[in-house]
Amino acid sequence: MRVVLAEDLYLLRTGLARLLSAYGFDVVASVATGPELRAALAEHEPDVAVVDVRLPPTNTDEGLKAALAARQERPGFPVLVLSQHVEQLYARELLADGVGAVGYLLKDRVFNDDQFIDAVRRVADGGTAMDPQVISRLLTGKPRRGPLAELTPREREVLELMAEGRSNAAIAQRLHLSGSAVTKHTASIFGKLGLPPSDDDNRRVLAVLTYLNG
């Protein structure tokens, strides 16, 4: 799997590149600035990008703007954002196209290799990997409308854990439920959100995007 990595801090960029390579990823470009990121995405057309939000020359939102531009040119292009901050506006914009293949992790809350590598793979496969604090900020003050208002508190808990990218087994363990109970809640969520079985659509991703977009 081919990866473009954008991070302005040399030691972190080098460490991430080595970590990705150790897990079998092909890091085709490892860059430090917004313009370099845009050029690398255009040249290499990678399978996934791992991008810091704030890159030179402005050190504001260069990374996210480049990622958004790439998704406009290649709808559904997988992007995993790494940041020390929750940039609500841009996080919402990444989710707004309703396609998925988006992750947003906070740097100081990535605690081990497996967590990071699993997030990269999940996003590359079209799923979501959202830090709980990001989810909380996105949902702050947003009233639940329409089908979302029909979800029970337990169903909302299940759906929030789906947004983090957890499997049914992991959700069951986290909520101290049986696997069959989680499967039942998941089926109820899909039904309430009007997501019938389909060979074309990933209902899990669509349910998460509906939830996060309110």
N, C-alpha and C. Protein backbone atom coordinates (compact mmCIF):
# COMPACT_ATOMS: atom_id res chain seq x y z
N MET A 1 0.85 -1.19 0.00
CA MET A 1 0.00 0.00 0.00
C MET A 1 0.89 1.25 0.00
N ARG A 2 0.63 2.16 -0.90
CA ARG A 2 1.48 3.33 -1.10
C ARG A 2 0.95 4.51 -0.27
N VAL A 3 1.88 5.13 0.47
CA VAL A 3 1.50 6.20 1.41
C VAL A 3 2.31 7.46 1.14
N VAL A 4 1.63 8.60 1.18
CA VAL A 4 2.31 9.89 1.26
C VAL A 4 2.14 10.40 2.68
N LEU A 5 3.25 10.81 3.29
CA LEU A 5 3.27 11.27 4.67
C LEU A 5 3.66 12.74 4.71
N ALA A 6 2.90 13.55 5.45
CA ALA A 6 3.21 14.98 5.60
C ALA A 6 3.25 15.35 7.07
N GLU A 7 4.42 15.74 7.54
CA GLU A 7 4.63 16.13 8.94
C GLU A 7 5.84 17.04 8.98
N ASP A 8 5.69 18.22 9.62
CA ASP A 8 6.79 19.18 9.57
C ASP A 8 7.90 18.91 10.59
N LEU A 9 7.63 18.18 11.65
CA LEU A 9 8.66 17.88 12.64
C LEU A 9 9.51 16.70 12.16
N TYR A 10 10.80 16.95 12.00
CA TYR A 10 11.69 15.96 11.39
C TYR A 10 11.66 14.61 12.12
N LEU A 11 11.84 14.64 13.44
CA LEU A 11 11.92 13.38 14.17
C LEU A 11 10.62 12.59 14.09
N LEU A 12 9.49 13.28 14.20
CA LEU A 12 8.21 12.60 14.11
C LEU A 12 7.98 12.07 12.70
N ARG A 13 8.32 12.87 11.70
CA ARG A 13 8.15 12.44 10.31
C ARG A 13 8.99 11.19 10.02
N THR A 14 10.24 11.22 10.48
CA THR A 14 11.13 10.08 10.26
C THR A 14 10.63 8.85 11.01
N GLY A 15 10.17 9.06 12.23
CA GLY A 15 9.66 7.93 13.02
C GLY A 15 8.42 7.31 12.40
N LEU A 16 7.50 8.14 11.93
CA LEU A 16 6.29 7.64 11.30
C LEU A 16 6.61 6.89 10.01
N ALA A 17 7.54 7.42 9.24
CA ALA A 17 7.92 6.76 7.99
C ALA A 17 8.51 5.38 8.27
N ARG A 18 9.36 5.29 9.26
CA ARG A 18 9.96 4.00 9.60
C ARG A 18 8.92 3.03 10.15
N LEU A 19 7.99 3.55 10.94
CA LEU A 19 6.93 2.70 11.48
C LEU A 19 6.06 2.14 10.36
N LEU A 20 5.66 2.99 9.43
CA LEU A 20 4.84 2.54 8.31
C LEU A 20 5.59 1.51 7.47
N SER A 21 6.85 1.77 7.21
CA SER A 21 7.65 0.83 6.42
C SER A 21 7.79 -0.51 7.13
N ALA A 22 7.93 -0.48 8.45
CA ALA A 22 8.07 -1.72 9.22
C ALA A 22 6.83 -2.59 9.14
N TYR A 23 5.69 -1.96 8.90
CA TYR A 23 4.43 -2.70 8.80
C TYR A 23 4.03 -2.97 7.35
N GLY A 24 4.97 -2.80 6.43
CA GLY A 24 4.74 -3.20 5.05
C GLY A 24 4.19 -2.14 4.12
N PHE A 25 4.07 -0.90 4.60
CA PHE A 25 3.61 0.18 3.73
C PHE A 25 4.79 0.70 2.89
N ASP A 26 4.48 1.18 1.71
CA ASP A 26 5.47 1.79 0.83
C ASP A 26 5.32 3.30 0.93
N VAL A 27 6.21 3.94 1.69
CA VAL A 27 6.15 5.40 1.86
C VAL A 27 6.79 6.03 0.64
N VAL A 28 5.96 6.44 -0.31
CA VAL A 28 6.48 6.94 -1.59
C VAL A 28 6.95 8.38 -1.49
N ALA A 29 6.50 9.11 -0.47
CA ALA A 29 6.97 10.49 -0.25
C ALA A 29 6.77 10.83 1.22
N SER A 30 7.76 11.51 1.77
CA SER A 30 7.70 11.97 3.15
C SER A 30 8.09 13.45 3.14
N VAL A 31 7.11 14.33 3.36
CA VAL A 31 7.33 15.76 3.11
C VAL A 31 7.03 16.59 4.35
N ALA A 32 7.45 17.87 4.30
CA ALA A 32 7.36 18.73 5.48
C ALA A 32 6.51 19.98 5.27
N THR A 33 6.10 20.28 4.05
CA THR A 33 5.36 21.53 3.80
C THR A 33 4.11 21.26 2.96
N GLY A 34 3.22 22.26 2.97
CA GLY A 34 2.01 22.15 2.17
C GLY A 34 2.26 22.02 0.69
N PRO A 35 3.09 22.89 0.09
CA PRO A 35 3.37 22.76 -1.34
C PRO A 35 3.99 21.41 -1.70
N GLU A 36 4.88 20.91 -0.85
CA GLU A 36 5.48 19.59 -1.10
C GLU A 36 4.42 18.49 -1.05
N LEU A 37 3.47 18.63 -0.14
CA LEU A 37 2.39 17.64 -0.04
C LEU A 37 1.54 17.64 -1.29
N ARG A 38 1.15 18.80 -1.75
CA ARG A 38 0.33 18.88 -2.97
C ARG A 38 1.06 18.25 -4.16
N ALA A 39 2.35 18.55 -4.27
CA ALA A 39 3.14 18.01 -5.38
C ALA A 39 3.26 16.49 -5.28
N ALA A 40 3.47 15.99 -4.06
CA ALA A 40 3.62 14.55 -3.86
C ALA A 40 2.31 13.81 -4.16
N LEU A 41 1.19 14.37 -3.75
CA LEU A 41 -0.11 13.73 -4.01
C LEU A 41 -0.38 13.67 -5.51
N ALA A 42 -0.05 14.75 -6.21
CA ALA A 42 -0.27 14.78 -7.66
C ALA A 42 0.66 13.83 -8.39
N GLU A 43 1.90 13.76 -7.94
CA GLU A 43 2.89 12.93 -8.64
C GLU A 43 2.69 11.44 -8.40
N HIS A 44 2.44 11.06 -7.14
CA HIS A 44 2.45 9.65 -6.78
C HIS A 44 1.07 9.00 -6.77
N GLU A 45 -0.01 9.80 -6.63
CA GLU A 45 -1.36 9.26 -6.53
C GLU A 45 -1.39 8.05 -5.58
N PRO A 46 -1.07 8.28 -4.31
CA PRO A 46 -0.94 7.17 -3.35
C PRO A 46 -2.29 6.55 -3.00
N ASP A 47 -2.23 5.45 -2.26
CA ASP A 47 -3.45 4.78 -1.80
C ASP A 47 -4.04 5.48 -0.58
N VAL A 48 -3.20 6.16 0.18
CA VAL A 48 -3.65 6.86 1.38
C VAL A 48 -2.63 7.94 1.73
N ALA A 49 -3.12 9.01 2.35
CA ALA A 49 -2.23 10.07 2.84
C ALA A 49 -2.38 10.19 4.35
N VAL A 50 -1.25 10.35 5.04
CA VAL A 50 -1.23 10.63 6.47
C VAL A 50 -0.72 12.05 6.61
N VAL A 51 -1.57 12.94 7.14
CA VAL A 51 -1.32 14.38 6.99
C VAL A 51 -1.47 15.12 8.32
N ASP A 52 -0.48 15.91 8.64
CA ASP A 52 -0.60 16.85 9.76
C ASP A 52 -1.44 18.03 9.30
N VAL A 53 -2.22 18.60 10.21
CA VAL A 53 -3.08 19.73 9.86
C VAL A 53 -2.25 20.96 9.52
N ARG A 54 -1.32 21.30 10.38
CA ARG A 54 -0.60 22.58 10.28
C ARG A 54 0.80 22.35 9.71
N LEU A 55 1.00 22.83 8.50
CA LEU A 55 2.28 22.68 7.82
C LEU A 55 2.79 24.04 7.36
N PRO A 56 4.10 24.18 7.20
CA PRO A 56 4.65 25.39 6.58
C PRO A 56 4.15 25.49 5.13
N PRO A 57 4.09 26.68 4.55
CA PRO A 57 4.69 27.91 5.06
C PRO A 57 3.82 28.71 6.03
N THR A 58 2.53 28.45 6.09
CA THR A 58 1.68 29.27 6.95
C THR A 58 1.57 28.72 8.36
N ASN A 59 1.81 27.41 8.52
CA ASN A 59 1.64 26.75 9.82
C ASN A 59 0.23 26.95 10.38
N THR A 60 -0.74 26.96 9.49
CA THR A 60 -2.14 27.07 9.93
C THR A 60 -2.89 25.81 9.51
N ASP A 61 -3.35 25.78 8.26
CA ASP A 61 -4.18 24.65 7.83
C ASP A 61 -3.71 24.07 6.50
N GLU A 62 -2.43 24.23 6.20
CA GLU A 62 -1.90 23.81 4.90
C GLU A 62 -2.16 22.33 4.62
N GLY A 63 -1.96 21.49 5.63
CA GLY A 63 -2.12 20.06 5.42
C GLY A 63 -3.55 19.67 5.10
N LEU A 64 -4.49 20.21 5.86
CA LEU A 64 -5.90 19.88 5.63
C LEU A 64 -6.39 20.43 4.30
N LYS A 65 -5.96 21.62 3.95
CA LYS A 65 -6.38 22.20 2.66
C LYS A 65 -5.88 21.35 1.50
N ALA A 66 -4.66 20.84 1.61
CA ALA A 66 -4.13 19.97 0.56
C ALA A 66 -4.91 18.67 0.50
N ALA A 67 -5.27 18.13 1.67
CA ALA A 67 -6.05 16.89 1.71
C ALA A 67 -7.44 17.08 1.09
N LEU A 68 -8.07 18.20 1.41
CA LEU A 68 -9.39 18.49 0.85
C LEU A 68 -9.32 18.66 -0.67
N ALA A 69 -8.27 19.33 -1.13
CA ALA A 69 -8.11 19.50 -2.57
C ALA A 69 -7.92 18.16 -3.26
N ALA A 70 -7.16 17.26 -2.62
CA ALA A 70 -6.94 15.93 -3.19
C ALA A 70 -8.23 15.14 -3.28
N ARG A 71 -9.10 15.29 -2.26
CA ARG A 71 -10.38 14.56 -2.28
C ARG A 71 -11.35 15.16 -3.29
N GLN A 72 -11.19 16.42 -3.60
CA GLN A 72 -12.02 17.00 -4.65
C GLN A 72 -11.61 16.47 -6.01
N GLU A 73 -10.31 16.28 -6.19
CA GLU A 73 -9.81 15.75 -7.46
C GLU A 73 -10.02 14.24 -7.57
N ARG A 74 -9.90 13.55 -6.43
CA ARG A 74 -10.09 12.10 -6.38
C ARG A 74 -11.10 11.80 -5.30
N PRO A 75 -12.41 11.84 -5.62
CA PRO A 75 -13.44 11.61 -4.59
C PRO A 75 -13.21 10.29 -3.86
N GLY A 76 -13.26 10.39 -2.53
CA GLY A 76 -13.06 9.20 -1.72
C GLY A 76 -11.61 8.87 -1.45
N PHE A 77 -10.69 9.74 -1.87
CA PHE A 77 -9.28 9.49 -1.59
C PHE A 77 -9.06 9.40 -0.08
N PRO A 78 -8.45 8.31 0.41
CA PRO A 78 -8.31 8.11 1.85
C PRO A 78 -7.31 9.07 2.50
N VAL A 79 -7.75 9.72 3.57
CA VAL A 79 -6.90 10.67 4.28
C VAL A 79 -7.02 10.42 5.78
N LEU A 80 -5.87 10.22 6.43
CA LEU A 80 -5.82 10.14 7.88
C LEU A 80 -5.13 11.39 8.39
N VAL A 81 -5.86 12.20 9.14
CA VAL A 81 -5.33 13.45 9.68
C VAL A 81 -4.73 13.20 11.06
N LEU A 82 -3.54 13.73 11.27
CA LEU A 82 -2.90 13.72 12.59
C LEU A 82 -2.77 15.16 13.05
N SER A 83 -3.17 15.43 14.28
CA SER A 83 -3.12 16.81 14.74
C SER A 83 -3.01 16.86 16.25
N GLN A 84 -2.58 18.01 16.75
CA GLN A 84 -2.64 18.27 18.18
C GLN A 84 -3.93 18.99 18.54
N HIS A 85 -4.72 19.36 17.54
CA HIS A 85 -5.92 20.15 17.76
C HIS A 85 -7.09 19.57 16.97
N VAL A 86 -8.30 19.84 17.43
CA VAL A 86 -9.49 19.49 16.68
C VAL A 86 -9.92 20.70 15.87
N GLU A 87 -9.73 20.62 14.57
CA GLU A 87 -10.16 21.70 13.67
C GLU A 87 -11.55 21.34 13.17
N GLN A 88 -12.58 21.82 13.88
CA GLN A 88 -13.94 21.38 13.61
C GLN A 88 -14.39 21.67 12.18
N LEU A 89 -14.10 22.87 11.70
CA LEU A 89 -14.56 23.26 10.37
C LEU A 89 -14.05 22.31 9.31
N TYR A 90 -12.75 22.03 9.36
CA TYR A 90 -12.16 21.18 8.32
C TYR A 90 -12.50 19.71 8.53
N ALA A 91 -12.64 19.29 9.77
CA ALA A 91 -13.07 17.92 10.03
C ALA A 91 -14.45 17.69 9.44
N ARG A 92 -15.33 18.66 9.62
CA ARG A 92 -16.68 18.55 9.03
C ARG A 92 -16.60 18.52 7.51
N GLU A 93 -15.71 19.33 6.94
CA GLU A 93 -15.60 19.39 5.49
C GLU A 93 -15.09 18.06 4.93
N LEU A 94 -14.18 17.42 5.64
CA LEU A 94 -13.69 16.12 5.21
C LEU A 94 -14.80 15.08 5.20
N LEU A 95 -15.71 15.20 6.15
CA LEU A 95 -16.81 14.24 6.27
C LEU A 95 -18.00 14.57 5.38
N ALA A 96 -18.07 15.80 4.93
CA ALA A 96 -19.29 16.30 4.29
C ALA A 96 -19.63 15.62 2.98
N ASP A 97 -18.63 15.06 2.29
CA ASP A 97 -18.95 14.45 0.99
C ASP A 97 -19.65 13.11 1.14
N GLY A 98 -19.71 12.59 2.38
CA GLY A 98 -20.46 11.37 2.63
C GLY A 98 -19.84 10.11 2.06
N VAL A 99 -18.54 10.16 1.77
CA VAL A 99 -17.88 9.02 1.12
C VAL A 99 -17.19 8.11 2.13
N GLY A 100 -16.65 8.68 3.19
CA GLY A 100 -15.86 7.89 4.12
C GLY A 100 -14.40 7.96 3.78
N ALA A 101 -13.64 6.93 4.20
CA ALA A 101 -12.19 6.90 3.99
C ALA A 101 -11.53 8.11 4.64
N VAL A 102 -11.95 8.41 5.88
CA VAL A 102 -11.45 9.56 6.60
C VAL A 102 -11.11 9.16 8.03
N GLY A 103 -9.98 9.64 8.52
CA GLY A 103 -9.63 9.45 9.92
C GLY A 103 -9.10 10.75 10.50
N TYR A 104 -9.26 10.91 11.80
CA TYR A 104 -8.76 12.11 12.47
C TYR A 104 -8.30 11.69 13.86
N LEU A 105 -6.99 11.60 14.04
CA LEU A 105 -6.41 11.21 15.32
C LEU A 105 -5.66 12.38 15.94
N LEU A 106 -5.72 12.46 17.26
CA LEU A 106 -4.96 13.45 18.00
C LEU A 106 -3.62 12.84 18.40
N LYS A 107 -2.54 13.55 18.10
CA LYS A 107 -1.20 12.99 18.27
C LYS A 107 -0.93 12.50 19.68
N ASP A 108 -1.38 13.27 20.68
CA ASP A 108 -1.05 12.89 22.05
C ASP A 108 -1.97 11.80 22.59
N ARG A 109 -2.86 11.29 21.73
CA ARG A 109 -3.75 10.21 22.15
C ARG A 109 -3.55 8.93 21.33
N VAL A 110 -2.47 8.89 20.56
CA VAL A 110 -2.08 7.65 19.89
C VAL A 110 -1.07 6.97 20.80
N PHE A 111 -1.46 5.82 21.37
CA PHE A 111 -0.69 5.24 22.46
C PHE A 111 0.18 4.04 22.06
N ASN A 112 -0.03 3.49 20.85
CA ASN A 112 0.79 2.35 20.46
C ASN A 112 0.78 2.18 18.95
N ASP A 113 1.69 1.33 18.47
CA ASP A 113 1.81 1.10 17.03
C ASP A 113 0.51 0.56 16.44
N ASP A 114 -0.07 -0.42 17.11
CA ASP A 114 -1.25 -1.09 16.56
C ASP A 114 -2.40 -0.12 16.33
N GLN A 115 -2.59 0.81 17.26
CA GLN A 115 -3.67 1.79 17.13
C GLN A 115 -3.49 2.63 15.87
N PHE A 116 -2.26 3.09 15.65
CA PHE A 116 -1.99 3.94 14.49
C PHE A 116 -2.08 3.16 13.19
N ILE A 117 -1.44 2.01 13.12
CA ILE A 117 -1.43 1.21 11.89
C ILE A 117 -2.83 0.73 11.54
N ASP A 118 -3.59 0.33 12.56
CA ASP A 118 -4.97 -0.10 12.30
C ASP A 118 -5.79 1.04 11.72
N ALA A 119 -5.57 2.26 12.21
CA ALA A 119 -6.30 3.42 11.69
C ALA A 119 -5.94 3.68 10.23
N VAL A 120 -4.66 3.59 9.89
CA VAL A 120 -4.24 3.80 8.50
C VAL A 120 -4.91 2.78 7.59
N ARG A 121 -4.88 1.54 7.98
CA ARG A 121 -5.47 0.48 7.16
C ARG A 121 -6.98 0.64 7.03
N ARG A 122 -7.62 1.00 8.12
CA ARG A 122 -9.08 1.14 8.10
C ARG A 122 -9.50 2.26 7.16
N VAL A 123 -8.80 3.39 7.24
CA VAL A 123 -9.11 4.52 6.37
C VAL A 123 -8.83 4.16 4.91
N ALA A 124 -7.71 3.51 4.66
CA ALA A 124 -7.37 3.11 3.29
C ALA A 124 -8.42 2.16 2.70
N ASP A 125 -9.08 1.40 3.57
CA ASP A 125 -10.12 0.46 3.12
C ASP A 125 -11.49 1.12 2.99
N GLY A 126 -11.55 2.44 3.23
CA GLY A 126 -12.81 3.16 3.06
C GLY A 126 -13.58 3.40 4.33
N GLY A 127 -13.01 3.03 5.48
CA GLY A 127 -13.71 3.20 6.75
C GLY A 127 -13.38 4.52 7.42
N THR A 128 -13.70 4.61 8.71
CA THR A 128 -13.43 5.81 9.49
C THR A 128 -12.61 5.44 10.72
N ALA A 129 -11.83 6.40 11.18
CA ALA A 129 -11.04 6.23 12.41
C ALA A 129 -10.99 7.58 13.10
N MET A 130 -11.93 7.81 13.98
CA MET A 130 -12.07 9.12 14.61
C MET A 130 -11.75 9.03 16.10
N ASP A 131 -10.90 9.92 16.57
CA ASP A 131 -10.63 9.98 18.00
C ASP A 131 -11.91 10.39 18.74
N PRO A 132 -12.18 9.79 19.91
CA PRO A 132 -13.40 10.15 20.65
C PRO A 132 -13.53 11.64 20.93
N GLN A 133 -12.40 12.32 21.18
CA GLN A 133 -12.48 13.77 21.44
C GLN A 133 -12.90 14.53 20.19
N VAL A 134 -12.48 14.04 19.03
CA VAL A 134 -12.91 14.67 17.77
C VAL A 134 -14.41 14.49 17.60
N ILE A 135 -14.89 13.27 17.84
CA ILE A 135 -16.33 13.00 17.73
C ILE A 135 -17.10 13.91 18.67
N SER A 136 -16.62 14.02 19.91
CA SER A 136 -17.31 14.85 20.90
C SER A 136 -17.39 16.30 20.45
N ARG A 137 -16.29 16.83 19.90
CA ARG A 137 -16.30 18.22 19.45
C ARG A 137 -17.23 18.41 18.25
N LEU A 138 -17.27 17.43 17.37
CA LEU A 138 -18.13 17.54 16.19
C LEU A 138 -19.60 17.53 16.57
N LEU A 139 -19.91 16.81 17.65
CA LEU A 139 -21.32 16.66 18.03
C LEU A 139 -21.79 17.69 19.04
N THR A 140 -20.86 18.47 19.59
CA THR A 140 -21.23 19.44 20.63
C THR A 140 -22.27 20.43 20.11
N GLY A 141 -23.38 20.48 20.84
CA GLY A 141 -24.41 21.45 20.50
C GLY A 141 -25.25 21.10 19.28
N LYS A 142 -25.03 19.93 18.70
CA LYS A 142 -25.80 19.57 17.51
C LYS A 142 -27.01 18.73 17.92
N PRO A 143 -28.22 19.23 17.73
CA PRO A 143 -29.39 18.43 18.07
C PRO A 143 -29.53 17.25 17.13
N ARG A 144 -29.99 16.14 17.66
CA ARG A 144 -30.26 14.97 16.83
C ARG A 144 -31.60 15.15 16.14
N ARG A 145 -31.62 15.10 14.82
CA ARG A 145 -32.84 15.32 14.07
C ARG A 145 -33.18 14.08 13.25
N GLY A 146 -34.45 14.00 12.85
CA GLY A 146 -34.88 12.94 11.95
C GLY A 146 -34.62 11.57 12.54
N PRO A 147 -34.14 10.63 11.72
CA PRO A 147 -33.91 9.26 12.19
C PRO A 147 -32.94 9.18 13.36
N LEU A 148 -31.98 10.11 13.43
CA LEU A 148 -31.01 10.07 14.52
C LEU A 148 -31.69 10.25 15.87
N ALA A 149 -32.76 11.04 15.88
CA ALA A 149 -33.49 11.27 17.13
C ALA A 149 -34.17 10.00 17.62
N GLU A 150 -34.36 9.02 16.74
CA GLU A 150 -35.03 7.78 17.12
C GLU A 150 -34.08 6.77 17.75
N LEU A 151 -32.79 7.02 17.68
CA LEU A 151 -31.84 6.08 18.25
C LEU A 151 -31.93 6.10 19.78
N THR A 152 -31.83 4.93 20.37
CA THR A 152 -31.80 4.84 21.82
C THR A 152 -30.41 5.24 22.32
N PRO A 153 -30.28 5.57 23.60
CA PRO A 153 -28.95 5.90 24.13
C PRO A 153 -27.91 4.80 23.86
N ARG A 154 -28.32 3.55 24.01
CA ARG A 154 -27.38 2.45 23.75
C ARG A 154 -26.99 2.40 22.27
N GLU A 155 -27.95 2.63 21.38
CA GLU A 155 -27.64 2.63 19.95
C GLU A 155 -26.69 3.77 19.60
N ARG A 156 -26.84 4.91 20.25
CA ARG A 156 -25.91 6.02 20.01
C ARG A 156 -24.50 5.66 20.50
N GLU A 157 -24.42 4.95 21.63
CA GLU A 157 -23.11 4.50 22.10
C GLU A 157 -22.46 3.56 21.10
N VAL A 158 -23.25 2.63 20.57
CA VAL A 158 -22.73 1.68 19.59
C VAL A 158 -22.25 2.42 18.34
N LEU A 159 -23.04 3.39 17.88
CA LEU A 159 -22.71 4.12 16.67
C LEU A 159 -21.46 4.99 16.87
N GLU A 160 -21.32 5.57 18.04
CA GLU A 160 -20.12 6.36 18.33
C GLU A 160 -18.87 5.49 18.30
N LEU A 161 -18.96 4.29 18.83
CA LEU A 161 -17.82 3.38 18.79
C LEU A 161 -17.54 2.89 17.37
N MET A 162 -18.58 2.77 16.56
CA MET A 162 -18.39 2.48 15.14
C MET A 162 -17.57 3.58 14.49
N ALA A 163 -17.87 4.83 14.85
CA ALA A 163 -17.16 5.97 14.27
C ALA A 163 -15.68 5.93 14.60
N GLU A 164 -15.35 5.39 15.77
CA GLU A 164 -13.95 5.24 16.15
C GLU A 164 -13.28 4.13 15.34
N GLY A 165 -14.09 3.33 14.63
CA GLY A 165 -13.55 2.26 13.82
C GLY A 165 -13.55 0.91 14.51
N ARG A 166 -14.26 0.78 15.62
CA ARG A 166 -14.25 -0.48 16.37
C ARG A 166 -15.14 -1.53 15.70
N SER A 167 -14.70 -2.75 15.76
CA SER A 167 -15.48 -3.88 15.25
C SER A 167 -16.60 -4.20 16.23
N ASN A 168 -17.54 -5.06 15.81
CA ASN A 168 -18.62 -5.47 16.71
C ASN A 168 -18.06 -6.15 17.95
N ALA A 169 -17.02 -6.97 17.78
CA ALA A 169 -16.42 -7.65 18.93
C ALA A 169 -15.83 -6.65 19.91
N ALA A 170 -15.14 -5.62 19.37
CA ALA A 170 -14.55 -4.61 20.24
C ALA A 170 -15.63 -3.78 20.94
N ILE A 171 -16.71 -3.49 20.22
CA ILE A 171 -17.82 -2.75 20.82
C ILE A 171 -18.44 -3.56 21.95
N ALA A 172 -18.63 -4.85 21.72
CA ALA A 172 -19.20 -5.73 22.74
C ALA A 172 -18.34 -5.72 24.00
N GLN A 173 -17.02 -5.78 23.81
CA GLN A 173 -16.11 -5.79 24.95
C GLN A 173 -16.17 -4.46 25.69
N ARG A 174 -16.18 -3.37 24.94
CA ARG A 174 -16.18 -2.04 25.55
C ARG A 174 -17.47 -1.79 26.35
N LEU A 175 -18.60 -2.23 25.82
CA LEU A 175 -19.89 -1.95 26.47
C LEU A 175 -20.38 -3.10 27.34
N HIS A 176 -19.55 -4.14 27.45
CA HIS A 176 -19.90 -5.32 28.25
C HIS A 176 -21.22 -5.94 27.79
N LEU A 177 -21.30 -6.11 26.47
CA LEU A 177 -22.48 -6.73 25.85
C LEU A 177 -22.05 -8.02 25.16
N SER A 178 -23.02 -8.85 24.85
CA SER A 178 -22.74 -10.03 24.04
C SER A 178 -22.61 -9.62 22.58
N GLY A 179 -21.95 -10.46 21.80
CA GLY A 179 -21.82 -10.17 20.37
C GLY A 179 -23.17 -10.10 19.69
N SER A 180 -24.08 -10.97 20.09
CA SER A 180 -25.41 -10.97 19.47
C SER A 180 -26.18 -9.69 19.81
N ALA A 181 -25.96 -9.15 21.01
CA ALA A 181 -26.63 -7.91 21.39
C ALA A 181 -26.14 -6.75 20.53
N VAL A 182 -24.83 -6.70 20.28
CA VAL A 182 -24.28 -5.64 19.43
C VAL A 182 -24.81 -5.79 18.00
N THR A 183 -24.86 -7.02 17.51
CA THR A 183 -25.41 -7.25 16.17
C THR A 183 -26.86 -6.77 16.09
N LYS A 184 -27.62 -7.01 17.14
CA LYS A 184 -29.03 -6.56 17.17
C LYS A 184 -29.11 -5.04 17.17
N HIS A 185 -28.28 -4.40 17.98
CA HIS A 185 -28.28 -2.93 18.01
C HIS A 185 -27.87 -2.37 16.65
N THR A 186 -26.86 -2.98 16.04
CA THR A 186 -26.38 -2.51 14.74
C THR A 186 -27.48 -2.62 13.68
N ALA A 187 -28.18 -3.73 13.67
CA ALA A 187 -29.27 -3.92 12.71
C ALA A 187 -30.36 -2.87 12.94
N SER A 188 -30.65 -2.57 14.20
CA SER A 188 -31.66 -1.56 14.52
C SER A 188 -31.22 -0.18 14.05
N ILE A 189 -29.93 0.14 14.24
CA ILE A 189 -29.39 1.42 13.76
C ILE A 189 -29.56 1.55 12.26
N PHE A 190 -29.16 0.51 11.53
CA PHE A 190 -29.28 0.55 10.07
C PHE A 190 -30.73 0.74 9.65
N GLY A 191 -31.63 0.06 10.33
CA GLY A 191 -33.04 0.18 10.00
C GLY A 191 -33.57 1.58 10.24
N LYS A 192 -33.24 2.16 11.38
CA LYS A 192 -33.73 3.50 11.72
C LYS A 192 -33.14 4.57 10.81
N LEU A 193 -31.93 4.33 10.32
CA LEU A 193 -31.29 5.31 9.43
C LEU A 193 -31.62 5.06 7.96
N GLY A 194 -32.48 4.07 7.71
CA GLY A 194 -32.90 3.81 6.33
C GLY A 194 -31.79 3.28 5.45
N LEU A 195 -30.99 2.36 5.99
CA LEU A 195 -29.86 1.80 5.26
C LEU A 195 -30.09 0.31 5.04
N PRO A 196 -30.80 -0.04 3.97
CA PRO A 196 -31.07 -1.45 3.69
C PRO A 196 -29.81 -2.17 3.22
N PRO A 197 -29.78 -3.49 3.27
CA PRO A 197 -28.62 -4.23 2.77
C PRO A 197 -28.34 -3.88 1.31
N SER A 198 -27.05 -3.76 0.99
CA SER A 198 -26.66 -3.38 -0.36
C SER A 198 -25.28 -3.95 -0.67
N ASP A 199 -25.10 -4.38 -1.90
CA ASP A 199 -23.79 -4.86 -2.32
C ASP A 199 -22.84 -3.71 -2.63
N ASP A 200 -23.38 -2.51 -2.83
CA ASP A 200 -22.57 -1.38 -3.27
C ASP A 200 -22.14 -0.46 -2.13
N ASP A 201 -22.98 -0.34 -1.10
CA ASP A 201 -22.72 0.63 -0.05
C ASP A 201 -22.26 -0.04 1.23
N ASN A 202 -21.31 0.56 1.89
CA ASN A 202 -20.88 0.12 3.20
C ASN A 202 -21.80 0.78 4.22
N ARG A 203 -22.76 0.02 4.73
CA ARG A 203 -23.74 0.61 5.64
C ARG A 203 -23.09 1.14 6.91
N ARG A 204 -22.05 0.50 7.33
CA ARG A 204 -21.37 0.93 8.55
C ARG A 204 -20.81 2.34 8.37
N VAL A 205 -20.14 2.56 7.26
CA VAL A 205 -19.58 3.88 6.98
C VAL A 205 -20.69 4.91 6.80
N LEU A 206 -21.73 4.56 6.06
CA LEU A 206 -22.83 5.50 5.84
C LEU A 206 -23.52 5.87 7.15
N ALA A 207 -23.68 4.90 8.04
CA ALA A 207 -24.30 5.19 9.34
C ALA A 207 -23.44 6.15 10.15
N VAL A 208 -22.13 5.93 10.14
CA VAL A 208 -21.21 6.80 10.87
C VAL A 208 -21.25 8.22 10.31
N LEU A 209 -21.22 8.35 8.98
CA LEU A 209 -21.23 9.67 8.37
C LEU A 209 -22.54 10.40 8.66
N THR A 210 -23.65 9.68 8.65
CA THR A 210 -24.93 10.28 9.01
C THR A 210 -24.89 10.81 10.43
N TYR A 211 -24.32 10.02 11.31
CA TYR A 211 -24.22 10.41 12.73
C TYR A 211 -23.35 11.65 12.91
N LEU A 212 -22.18 11.66 12.29
CA LEU A 212 -21.26 12.76 12.50
C LEU A 212 -21.71 14.04 11.80
N ASN A 213 -22.43 13.88 10.70
CA ASN A 213 -22.93 15.06 9.99
C ASN A 213 -24.25 15.57 10.54
N GLY A 214 -24.85 14.79 11.46
CA GLY A 214 -26.07 15.24 12.11
C GLY A 214 -27.25 15.30 11.18
